[in-house]
Amino acid sequence: MKAHLDPGTCDDATLLRFLRARNFQVDAALAQYREAQRWRQDNRLRVVAPLDDLGARFYYGLNAFFGSDRKGRPIYIQKVGLASGRFDEAYRHFGDGDKARDALVAGWVWCQEVQAARAAEATERLGRPVAKQLVLMDLEGLNYWPDPRAISIFKDFLLVIQRYYPETLGALVFVNAPMIFTALWRMIRGWLDTETARKVQIYGSNFEAKLRELVEPSQLLREYGGTNDFDLLSKPRSLAECQECMAEWLASAEQLRTRGTTPARERTSSRWSGAGSWSIATSRESKGSS
């Protein structure tokens, strides 16, 4: 595969992800890699440029980047169930129609960029390759009549990972899954390739022991059976409070960046739990190696 690319184009770990995604068929892997590079250039992606309206995105998305699993993979957490109740409001906030859809998909892309940066940080810290992530989606409070627009956008989220971030999903774990999700899963499964679907785990309310098999208790929030007191997602907050929280979070990240330190080694004090737990310098240019 490297013989078909300019020297120094990309690191081996990234090329290996694309090869694995295409069962080591070089032509197919090259085609997907080149498509992903064109997509990155067209979207002018940066690792990791601050996203616009981050406070609103947190309020409507109820998501956070926190901790790592037993394999060192960064964890992404989202309270999908509660966020589903805010979806219509979020859609209107970001402009409605295609504009809202594009904004929400862009937010998901940004999350993948942050996770890629965290994986790179973990690789440096652990001295071994870390390329994948654990995604934890909490379905408690899921709307029993899901908005068709939300289902369609979730499909876009899955396709973005499969197409442009191959082999970066280590595990996708759904917890607090209600009965309605069984029917939704039959539809969702059809959107996934076989290998991606194999990485999905679905649990009802009895999930804590399974999560502890994947994540050390110290890296797992108390509400999910761990011992960590990180509470950014556990308390209801208004839109204004979320905007204030994210503004302080970004300020903490900038302090760490200008001092040349990373939150893996140092955290700033904040009245917002986790406000200093950014991942990496927020303005480093992407080299296409997400």
C-alpha atoms as a PDB file:
ATOM      1  CA  MET A   1       0.000   0.000   0.000  1.00  0.00           C
ATOM      2  CA  LYS A   2       2.847   2.382   0.840  1.00  0.00           C
ATOM      3  CA  ALA A   3       4.338   1.757  -2.596  1.00  0.00           C
ATOM      4  CA  HIS A   4       1.309   3.514  -4.097  1.00  0.00           C
ATOM      5  CA  LEU A   5       1.639   6.615  -1.896  1.00  0.00           C
ATOM      6  CA  ASP A   6       4.188   9.392  -1.621  1.00  0.00           C
ATOM      7  CA  PRO A   7       6.827   8.750   1.081  1.00  0.00           C
ATOM      8  CA  GLY A   8       5.758  10.053   4.472  1.00  0.00           C
ATOM      9  CA  THR A   9       2.142  10.453   3.394  1.00  0.00           C
ATOM     10  CA  CYS A  10       0.743   8.615   6.381  1.00  0.00           C
ATOM     11  CA  ASP A  11       1.810   6.559   9.365  1.00  0.00           C
ATOM     12  CA  ASP A  12       1.725   2.771   9.294  1.00  0.00           C
ATOM     13  CA  ALA A  13      -0.977   2.485  11.971  1.00  0.00           C
ATOM     14  CA  THR A  14      -3.437   4.521   9.899  1.00  0.00           C
ATOM     15  CA  LEU A  15      -2.751   2.565   6.711  1.00  0.00           C
ATOM     16  CA  LEU A  16      -3.185  -0.650   8.666  1.00  0.00           C
ATOM     17  CA  ARG A  17      -6.657   0.468   9.784  1.00  0.00           C
ATOM     18  CA  PHE A  18      -7.760   0.875   6.174  1.00  0.00           C
ATOM     19  CA  LEU A  19      -6.232  -2.453   5.188  1.00  0.00           C
ATOM     20  CA  ARG A  20      -8.045  -4.241   7.998  1.00  0.00           C
ATOM     21  CA  ALA A  21     -11.301  -2.542   7.037  1.00  0.00           C
ATOM     22  CA  ARG A  22     -10.952  -3.996   3.520  1.00  0.00           C
ATOM     23  CA  ASN A  23      -9.675  -7.438   4.523  1.00  0.00           C
ATOM     24  CA  PHE A  24      -6.149  -6.563   3.322  1.00  0.00           C
ATOM     25  CA  GLN A  25      -7.232  -6.003  -0.284  1.00  0.00           C
ATOM     26  CA  VAL A  26      -4.760  -3.278  -1.206  1.00  0.00           C
ATOM     27  CA  ASP A  27      -6.700  -1.700  -4.078  1.00  0.00           C
ATOM     28  CA  ALA A  28      -9.877  -1.454  -1.999  1.00  0.00           C
ATOM     29  CA  ALA A  29      -7.972  -0.065   0.999  1.00  0.00           C
ATOM     30  CA  LEU A  30      -6.255   2.538  -1.191  1.00  0.00           C
ATOM     31  CA  ALA A  31      -9.573   3.599  -2.678  1.00  0.00           C
ATOM     32  CA  GLN A  32     -11.147   4.068   0.748  1.00  0.00           C
ATOM     33  CA  TYR A  33      -8.079   5.861   2.105  1.00  0.00           C
ATOM     34  CA  ARG A  34      -8.005   8.295  -0.835  1.00  0.00           C
ATOM     35  CA  GLU A  35     -11.739   8.919  -0.515  1.00  0.00           C
ATOM     36  CA  ALA A  36     -11.268   9.692   3.184  1.00  0.00           C
ATOM     37  CA  GLN A  37      -8.422  12.089   2.406  1.00  0.00           C
ATOM     38  CA  ARG A  38     -10.519  13.944  -0.179  1.00  0.00           C
ATOM     39  CA  TRP A  39     -13.354  14.149   2.337  1.00  0.00           C
ATOM     40  CA  ARG A  40     -11.020  15.577   4.984  1.00  0.00           C
ATOM     41  CA  GLN A  41      -9.710  18.193   2.573  1.00  0.00           C
ATOM     42  CA  ASP A  42     -13.200  19.128   1.384  1.00  0.00           C
ATOM     43  CA  ASN A  43     -14.309  19.590   4.993  1.00  0.00           C
ATOM     44  CA  ARG A  44     -11.092  21.362   6.014  1.00  0.00           C
ATOM     45  CA  LEU A  45     -10.747  19.213   9.115  1.00  0.00           C
ATOM     46  CA  ARG A  46      -8.339  20.167  11.862  1.00  0.00           C
ATOM     47  CA  VAL A  47      -7.200  18.152  14.862  1.00  0.00           C
ATOM     48  CA  VAL A  48      -8.760  19.475  17.004  1.00  0.00           C
ATOM     49  CA  ALA A  49     -10.128  22.941  16.181  1.00  0.00           C
ATOM     50  CA  PRO A  50     -12.727  24.236  18.676  1.00  0.00           C
ATOM     51  CA  LEU A  51     -16.244  23.686  17.392  1.00  0.00           C
ATOM     52  CA  ASP A  52     -18.712  26.537  17.131  1.00  0.00           C
ATOM     53  CA  ASP A  53     -21.523  26.776  19.711  1.00  0.00           C
ATOM     54  CA  LEU A  54     -19.927  24.076  21.846  1.00  0.00           C
ATOM     55  CA  GLY A  55     -22.082  24.845  24.890  1.00  0.00           C
ATOM     56  CA  ALA A  56     -25.298  24.274  22.947  1.00  0.00           C
ATOM     57  CA  ARG A  57     -23.888  21.092  21.449  1.00  0.00           C
ATOM     58  CA  PHE A  58     -23.162  19.789  24.945  1.00  0.00           C
ATOM     59  CA  TYR A  59     -26.603  20.793  26.207  1.00  0.00           C
ATOM     60  CA  TYR A  60     -28.442  19.076  23.367  1.00  0.00           C
ATOM     61  CA  GLY A  61     -26.071  16.133  22.912  1.00  0.00           C
ATOM     62  CA  LEU A  62     -25.312  15.346  26.577  1.00  0.00           C
ATOM     63  CA  ASN A  63     -21.950  13.838  25.663  1.00  0.00           C
ATOM     64  CA  ALA A  64     -18.483  13.812  27.153  1.00  0.00           C
ATOM     65  CA  PHE A  65     -14.988  12.476  26.561  1.00  0.00           C
ATOM     66  CA  PHE A  66     -13.764  10.866  29.738  1.00  0.00           C
ATOM     67  CA  GLY A  67     -11.493   8.056  30.846  1.00  0.00           C
ATOM     68  CA  SER A  68     -10.069   5.029  29.094  1.00  0.00           C
ATOM     69  CA  ASP A  69     -10.905   1.327  29.115  1.00  0.00           C
ATOM     70  CA  ARG A  70      -8.706  -1.580  30.193  1.00  0.00           C
ATOM     71  CA  LYS A  71      -7.016  -1.592  26.773  1.00  0.00           C
ATOM     72  CA  GLY A  72      -6.163   2.102  27.007  1.00  0.00           C
ATOM     73  CA  ARG A  73      -8.815   3.115  24.473  1.00  0.00           C
ATOM     74  CA  PRO A  74     -10.433   6.533  25.067  1.00  0.00           C
ATOM     75  CA  ILE A  75     -14.073   6.475  26.137  1.00  0.00           C
ATOM     76  CA  TYR A  76     -16.857   8.570  24.618  1.00  0.00           C
ATOM     77  CA  ILE A  77     -20.089   8.772  26.639  1.00  0.00           C
ATOM     78  CA  GLN A  78     -23.460  10.033  25.456  1.00  0.00           C
ATOM     79  CA  LYS A  79     -26.834  10.090  27.208  1.00  0.00           C
ATOM     80  CA  VAL A  80     -28.712   9.350  24.020  1.00  0.00           C
ATOM     81  CA  GLY A  81     -32.024   8.658  25.746  1.00  0.00           C
ATOM     82  CA  LEU A  82     -32.236  12.023  27.491  1.00  0.00           C
ATOM     83  CA  ALA A  83     -30.837  13.817  24.437  1.00  0.00           C
ATOM     84  CA  SER A  84     -33.657  12.349  22.327  1.00  0.00           C
ATOM     85  CA  GLY A  85     -36.103  14.490  24.298  1.00  0.00           C
ATOM     86  CA  ARG A  86     -34.216  17.616  23.205  1.00  0.00           C
ATOM     87  CA  PHE A  87     -33.806  16.643  19.566  1.00  0.00           C
ATOM     88  CA  ASP A  88     -36.586  18.780  18.102  1.00  0.00           C
ATOM     89  CA  GLU A  89     -35.332  21.823  20.008  1.00  0.00           C
ATOM     90  CA  ALA A  90     -31.767  21.086  18.870  1.00  0.00           C
ATOM     91  CA  TYR A  91     -32.889  20.769  15.261  1.00  0.00           C
ATOM     92  CA  ARG A  92     -34.493  24.208  15.411  1.00  0.00           C
ATOM     93  CA  HIS A  93     -31.529  25.697  17.281  1.00  0.00           C
ATOM     94  CA  PHE A  94     -29.085  24.719  14.536  1.00  0.00           C
ATOM     95  CA  GLY A  95     -31.235  25.999  11.693  1.00  0.00           C
ATOM     96  CA  ASP A  96     -33.736  23.284  10.722  1.00  0.00           C
ATOM     97  CA  GLY A  97     -33.643  21.263   7.489  1.00  0.00           C
ATOM     98  CA  ASP A  98     -30.329  20.508   5.804  1.00  0.00           C
ATOM     99  CA  LYS A  99     -28.539  23.200   7.794  1.00  0.00           C
ATOM    100  CA  ALA A 100     -29.420  21.525  11.093  1.00  0.00           C
ATOM    101  CA  ARG A 101     -28.579  18.108   9.725  1.00  0.00           C
ATOM    102  CA  ASP A 102     -25.166  19.283   8.519  1.00  0.00           C
ATOM    103  CA  ALA A 103     -24.461  20.955  11.872  1.00  0.00           C
ATOM    104  CA  LEU A 104     -25.324  17.822  13.843  1.00  0.00           C
ATOM    105  CA  VAL A 105     -23.252  15.569  11.582  1.00  0.00           C
ATOM    106  CA  ALA A 106     -20.368  18.052  11.840  1.00  0.00           C
ATOM    107  CA  GLY A 107     -20.605  17.735  15.616  1.00  0.00           C
ATOM    108  CA  TRP A 108     -20.262  13.953  15.343  1.00  0.00           C
ATOM    109  CA  VAL A 109     -17.254  14.342  13.030  1.00  0.00           C
ATOM    110  CA  TRP A 110     -15.670  16.651  15.589  1.00  0.00           C
ATOM    111  CA  CYS A 111     -16.186  14.000  18.262  1.00  0.00           C
ATOM    112  CA  GLN A 112     -14.296  11.509  16.086  1.00  0.00           C
ATOM    113  CA  GLU A 113     -11.454  13.999  15.699  1.00  0.00           C
ATOM    114  CA  VAL A 114     -11.260  14.491  19.463  1.00  0.00           C
ATOM    115  CA  GLN A 115     -11.218  10.728  19.985  1.00  0.00           C
ATOM    116  CA  ALA A 116      -8.480  10.369  17.367  1.00  0.00           C
ATOM    117  CA  ALA A 117      -6.432  12.984  19.237  1.00  0.00           C
ATOM    118  CA  ARG A 118      -7.032  11.198  22.535  1.00  0.00           C
ATOM    119  CA  ALA A 119      -5.972   7.894  20.954  1.00  0.00           C
ATOM    120  CA  ALA A 120      -2.775   9.544  19.723  1.00  0.00           C
ATOM    121  CA  GLU A 121      -2.155  10.872  23.216  1.00  0.00           C
ATOM    122  CA  ALA A 122      -2.747   7.393  24.676  1.00  0.00           C
ATOM    123  CA  THR A 123      -0.304   5.921  22.155  1.00  0.00           C
ATOM    124  CA  GLU A 124       2.384   8.341  23.307  1.00  0.00           C
ATOM    125  CA  ARG A 125       1.608   7.833  26.978  1.00  0.00           C
ATOM    126  CA  LEU A 126       1.459   4.026  26.883  1.00  0.00           C
ATOM    127  CA  GLY A 127       4.240   3.475  24.367  1.00  0.00           C
ATOM    128  CA  ARG A 128       2.103   1.203  22.176  1.00  0.00           C
ATOM    129  CA  PRO A 129      -0.433   1.821  19.407  1.00  0.00           C
ATOM    130  CA  VAL A 130      -3.932   2.843  20.510  1.00  0.00           C
ATOM    131  CA  ALA A 131      -6.196   3.435  17.525  1.00  0.00           C
ATOM    132  CA  LYS A 132      -9.672   2.501  18.732  1.00  0.00           C
ATOM    133  CA  GLN A 133     -12.276   3.883  21.106  1.00  0.00           C
ATOM    134  CA  LEU A 134     -15.034   2.640  23.373  1.00  0.00           C
ATOM    135  CA  VAL A 135     -18.396   4.339  22.824  1.00  0.00           C
ATOM    136  CA  LEU A 136     -20.896   4.140  25.686  1.00  0.00           C
ATOM    137  CA  MET A 137     -24.465   5.170  24.854  1.00  0.00           C
ATOM    138  CA  ASP A 138     -26.984   5.420  27.681  1.00  0.00           C
ATOM    139  CA  LEU A 139     -30.544   4.891  26.411  1.00  0.00           C
ATOM    140  CA  GLU A 140     -32.347   5.710  29.660  1.00  0.00           C
ATOM    141  CA  GLY A 141     -35.260   8.039  28.876  1.00  0.00           C
ATOM    142  CA  LEU A 142     -35.313   7.155  25.185  1.00  0.00           C
ATOM    143  CA  ASN A 143     -38.378   8.541  23.426  1.00  0.00           C
ATOM    144  CA  TYR A 144     -40.786   5.705  22.692  1.00  0.00           C
ATOM    145  CA  TRP A 145     -41.638   7.404  19.410  1.00  0.00           C
ATOM    146  CA  PRO A 146     -38.181   8.321  18.050  1.00  0.00           C
ATOM    147  CA  ASP A 147     -38.054  11.266  15.679  1.00  0.00           C
ATOM    148  CA  PRO A 148     -37.454   9.946  12.117  1.00  0.00           C
ATOM    149  CA  ARG A 149     -34.986  12.795  11.579  1.00  0.00           C
ATOM    150  CA  ALA A 150     -32.977  11.612  14.579  1.00  0.00           C
ATOM    151  CA  ILE A 151     -32.913   8.038  13.281  1.00  0.00           C
ATOM    152  CA  SER A 152     -31.747   9.249   9.875  1.00  0.00           C
ATOM    153  CA  ILE A 153     -28.956  11.360  11.400  1.00  0.00           C
ATOM    154  CA  PHE A 154     -27.860   8.475  13.622  1.00  0.00           C
ATOM    155  CA  LYS A 155     -27.509   6.434  10.442  1.00  0.00           C
ATOM    156  CA  ASP A 156     -25.261   9.183   9.074  1.00  0.00           C
ATOM    157  CA  PHE A 157     -23.176   8.995  12.258  1.00  0.00           C
ATOM    158  CA  LEU A 158     -22.589   5.268  11.778  1.00  0.00           C
ATOM    159  CA  LEU A 159     -21.745   5.678   8.106  1.00  0.00           C
ATOM    160  CA  VAL A 160     -19.198   8.410   8.894  1.00  0.00           C
ATOM    161  CA  ILE A 161     -17.332   6.057  11.243  1.00  0.00           C
ATOM    162  CA  GLN A 162     -17.382   3.147   8.800  1.00  0.00           C
ATOM    163  CA  ARG A 163     -16.394   5.177   5.752  1.00  0.00           C
ATOM    164  CA  TYR A 164     -13.923   7.760   7.052  1.00  0.00           C
ATOM    165  CA  TYR A 165     -12.711   6.371  10.391  1.00  0.00           C
ATOM    166  CA  PRO A 166     -12.378   2.643   9.695  1.00  0.00           C
ATOM    167  CA  GLU A 167     -11.212   0.354  12.470  1.00  0.00           C
ATOM    168  CA  THR A 168     -11.447   3.078  15.124  1.00  0.00           C
ATOM    169  CA  LEU A 169     -14.413   1.505  16.913  1.00  0.00           C
ATOM    170  CA  GLY A 170     -13.334  -0.960  19.558  1.00  0.00           C
ATOM    171  CA  ALA A 171     -16.740  -1.420  21.167  1.00  0.00           C
ATOM    172  CA  LEU A 172     -20.144   0.277  21.025  1.00  0.00           C
ATOM    173  CA  VAL A 173     -22.032  -0.412  24.252  1.00  0.00           C
ATOM    174  CA  PHE A 174     -25.694   0.478  24.748  1.00  0.00           C
ATOM    175  CA  VAL A 175     -26.951   0.442  28.347  1.00  0.00           C
ATOM    176  CA  ASN A 176     -30.419   0.947  29.849  1.00  0.00           C
ATOM    177  CA  ALA A 177     -31.903  -0.229  26.571  1.00  0.00           C
ATOM    178  CA  PRO A 178     -35.727  -0.224  26.653  1.00  0.00           C
ATOM    179  CA  MET A 179     -37.859  -2.786  24.821  1.00  0.00           C
ATOM    180  CA  ILE A 180     -38.476  -0.361  21.931  1.00  0.00           C
ATOM    181  CA  PHE A 181     -34.772  -0.441  21.138  1.00  0.00           C
ATOM    182  CA  THR A 182     -35.031  -4.100  20.141  1.00  0.00           C
ATOM    183  CA  ALA A 183     -37.097  -3.088  17.124  1.00  0.00           C
ATOM    184  CA  LEU A 184     -34.802  -0.150  16.350  1.00  0.00           C
ATOM    185  CA  TRP A 185     -31.747  -2.394  16.538  1.00  0.00           C
ATOM    186  CA  ARG A 186     -33.109  -4.672  13.808  1.00  0.00           C
ATOM    187  CA  MET A 187     -33.122  -1.638  11.523  1.00  0.00           C
ATOM    188  CA  ILE A 188     -29.800  -0.222  12.725  1.00  0.00           C
ATOM    189  CA  ARG A 189     -27.998  -3.543  12.321  1.00  0.00           C
ATOM    190  CA  GLY A 190     -28.797  -3.494   8.615  1.00  0.00           C
ATOM    191  CA  TRP A 191     -26.774  -0.287   8.232  1.00  0.00           C
ATOM    192  CA  LEU A 192     -23.621  -1.847   9.651  1.00  0.00           C
ATOM    193  CA  ASP A 193     -21.089  -4.118   8.080  1.00  0.00           C
ATOM    194  CA  THR A 194     -20.637  -7.483   9.769  1.00  0.00           C
ATOM    195  CA  GLU A 195     -17.443  -6.560  11.602  1.00  0.00           C
ATOM    196  CA  THR A 196     -18.885  -3.326  13.030  1.00  0.00           C
ATOM    197  CA  ALA A 197     -22.101  -5.054  14.138  1.00  0.00           C
ATOM    198  CA  ARG A 198     -19.994  -7.628  15.993  1.00  0.00           C
ATOM    199  CA  LYS A 199     -18.594  -4.848  18.201  1.00  0.00           C
ATOM    200  CA  VAL A 200     -22.023  -3.796  19.475  1.00  0.00           C
ATOM    201  CA  GLN A 201     -23.183  -4.847  22.956  1.00  0.00           C
ATOM    202  CA  ILE A 202     -26.699  -4.113  24.220  1.00  0.00           C
ATOM    203  CA  TYR A 203     -27.741  -4.295  27.874  1.00  0.00           C
ATOM    204  CA  GLY A 204     -30.799  -3.322  29.874  1.00  0.00           C
ATOM    205  CA  SER A 205     -30.440  -2.095  33.457  1.00  0.00           C
ATOM    206  CA  ASN A 206     -28.208  -4.990  34.529  1.00  0.00           C
ATOM    207  CA  PHE A 207     -24.975  -3.822  32.884  1.00  0.00           C
ATOM    208  CA  GLU A 208     -22.536  -2.769  35.623  1.00  0.00           C
ATOM    209  CA  ALA A 209     -20.597  -6.042  35.851  1.00  0.00           C
ATOM    210  CA  LYS A 210     -20.176  -6.133  32.069  1.00  0.00           C
ATOM    211  CA  LEU A 211     -18.898  -2.560  31.998  1.00  0.00           C
ATOM    212  CA  ARG A 212     -16.390  -3.302  34.742  1.00  0.00           C
ATOM    213  CA  GLU A 213     -15.011  -6.081  32.556  1.00  0.00           C
ATOM    214  CA  LEU A 214     -14.265  -3.435  29.937  1.00  0.00           C
ATOM    215  CA  VAL A 215     -13.305  -0.506  32.179  1.00  0.00           C
ATOM    216  CA  GLU A 216     -11.400  -0.229  35.460  1.00  0.00           C
ATOM    217  CA  PRO A 217     -13.730   1.138  38.190  1.00  0.00           C
ATOM    218  CA  SER A 218     -11.480   4.181  38.642  1.00  0.00           C
ATOM    219  CA  GLN A 219     -12.132   5.108  34.991  1.00  0.00           C
ATOM    220  CA  LEU A 220     -15.873   4.457  35.199  1.00  0.00           C
ATOM    221  CA  LEU A 221     -18.498   6.885  36.492  1.00  0.00           C
ATOM    222  CA  ARG A 222     -20.340   5.925  39.669  1.00  0.00           C
ATOM    223  CA  GLU A 223     -23.695   5.878  37.905  1.00  0.00           C
ATOM    224  CA  TYR A 224     -22.330   3.082  35.680  1.00  0.00           C
ATOM    225  CA  GLY A 225     -20.874   1.000  38.501  1.00  0.00           C
ATOM    226  CA  GLY A 226     -17.472   2.649  38.830  1.00  0.00           C
ATOM    227  CA  THR A 227     -15.762   4.698  41.530  1.00  0.00           C
ATOM    228  CA  ASN A 228     -15.087   7.930  39.621  1.00  0.00           C
ATOM    229  CA  ASP A 229     -16.881  11.093  40.749  1.00  0.00           C
ATOM    230  CA  PHE A 230     -16.714  12.913  37.398  1.00  0.00           C
ATOM    231  CA  ASP A 231     -20.189  14.458  37.266  1.00  0.00           C
ATOM    232  CA  LEU A 232     -20.387  16.560  34.114  1.00  0.00           C
ATOM    233  CA  LEU A 233     -23.251  14.428  32.816  1.00  0.00           C
ATOM    234  CA  SER A 234     -24.973  13.522  36.073  1.00  0.00           C
ATOM    235  CA  LYS A 235     -26.514  16.893  36.947  1.00  0.00           C
ATOM    236  CA  PRO A 236     -29.218  18.666  34.910  1.00  0.00           C
ATOM    237  CA  ARG A 237     -27.965  22.023  33.633  1.00  0.00           C
ATOM    238  CA  SER A 238     -29.551  24.823  31.650  1.00  0.00           C
ATOM    239  CA  LEU A 239     -28.341  25.882  28.217  1.00  0.00           C
ATOM    240  CA  ALA A 240     -26.686  28.957  29.750  1.00  0.00           C
ATOM    241  CA  GLU A 241     -24.884  26.827  32.350  1.00  0.00           C
ATOM    242  CA  CYS A 242     -23.645  24.464  29.640  1.00  0.00           C
ATOM    243  CA  GLN A 243     -22.334  27.384  27.605  1.00  0.00           C
ATOM    244  CA  GLU A 244     -20.495  28.708  30.667  1.00  0.00           C
ATOM    245  CA  CYS A 245     -19.107  25.242  31.372  1.00  0.00           C
ATOM    246  CA  MET A 246     -17.745  24.779  27.850  1.00  0.00           C
ATOM    247  CA  ALA A 247     -16.247  28.283  27.811  1.00  0.00           C
ATOM    248  CA  GLU A 248     -14.283  27.454  30.954  1.00  0.00           C
ATOM    249  CA  TRP A 249     -13.356  24.059  29.537  1.00  0.00           C
ATOM    250  CA  LEU A 250     -11.878  25.676  26.422  1.00  0.00           C
ATOM    251  CA  ALA A 251     -10.028  28.251  28.539  1.00  0.00           C
ATOM    252  CA  SER A 252      -8.494  25.417  30.582  1.00  0.00           C
ATOM    253  CA  ALA A 253      -7.465  23.657  27.375  1.00  0.00           C
ATOM    254  CA  GLU A 254      -5.791  26.805  26.096  1.00  0.00           C
ATOM    255  CA  GLN A 255      -3.823  27.164  29.330  1.00  0.00           C
ATOM    256  CA  LEU A 256      -2.590  23.598  29.009  1.00  0.00           C
ATOM    257  CA  ARG A 257      -1.717  24.057  25.345  1.00  0.00           C
ATOM    258  CA  THR A 258       0.281  27.260  25.873  1.00  0.00           C
ATOM    259  CA  ARG A 259       2.166  25.692  28.772  1.00  0.00           C
ATOM    260  CA  GLY A 260       3.029  22.694  26.616  1.00  0.00           C
ATOM    261  CA  THR A 261       1.397  20.167  28.948  1.00  0.00           C
ATOM    262  CA  THR A 262      -1.349  17.626  28.383  1.00  0.00           C
ATOM    263  CA  PRO A 263      -4.228  16.762  30.723  1.00  0.00           C
ATOM    264  CA  ALA A 264      -2.900  13.200  30.907  1.00  0.00           C
ATOM    265  CA  ARG A 265      -0.240  14.612  33.210  1.00  0.00           C
ATOM    266  CA  GLU A 266      -1.840  17.763  34.571  1.00  0.00           C
ATOM    267  CA  ARG A 267      -5.330  19.091  35.188  1.00  0.00           C
ATOM    268  CA  THR A 268      -6.444  22.598  36.023  1.00  0.00           C
ATOM    269  CA  SER A 269      -8.700  23.327  38.960  1.00  0.00           C
ATOM    270  CA  SER A 270     -12.271  24.189  38.111  1.00  0.00           C
ATOM    271  CA  ARG A 271     -15.654  24.331  39.784  1.00  0.00           C
ATOM    272  CA  TRP A 272     -16.872  22.316  36.802  1.00  0.00           C
ATOM    273  CA  SER A 273     -15.951  18.684  37.297  1.00  0.00           C
ATOM    274  CA  GLY A 274     -13.805  17.612  34.393  1.00  0.00           C
ATOM    275  CA  ALA A 275     -13.530  21.103  32.911  1.00  0.00           C
ATOM    276  CA  GLY A 276      -9.785  20.711  32.515  1.00  0.00           C
ATOM    277  CA  SER A 277      -9.900  17.243  31.014  1.00  0.00           C
ATOM    278  CA  TRP A 278      -9.326  18.283  27.414  1.00  0.00           C
ATOM    279  CA  SER A 279      -7.436  15.930  25.172  1.00  0.00           C
ATOM    280  CA  ILE A 280      -4.717  17.639  23.212  1.00  0.00           C
ATOM    281  CA  ALA A 281      -3.710  21.010  21.747  1.00  0.00           C
ATOM    282  CA  THR A 282      -6.840  22.486  20.177  1.00  0.00           C
ATOM    283  CA  SER A 283      -5.326  24.019  17.075  1.00  0.00           C
ATOM    284  CA  ARG A 284      -2.887  21.429  15.734  1.00  0.00           C
ATOM    285  CA  GLU A 285      -3.258  21.045  11.949  1.00  0.00           C
ATOM    286  CA  SER A 286      -4.487  17.693  10.714  1.00  0.00           C
ATOM    287  CA  LYS A 287      -2.107  15.644   8.599  1.00  0.00           C
ATOM    288  CA  GLY A 288      -4.829  13.251   7.540  1.00  0.00           C
ATOM    289  CA  SER A 289      -3.918  10.580  10.066  1.00  0.00           C
ATOM    290  CA  SER A 290      -7.079  10.578  12.160  1.00  0.00           C
END
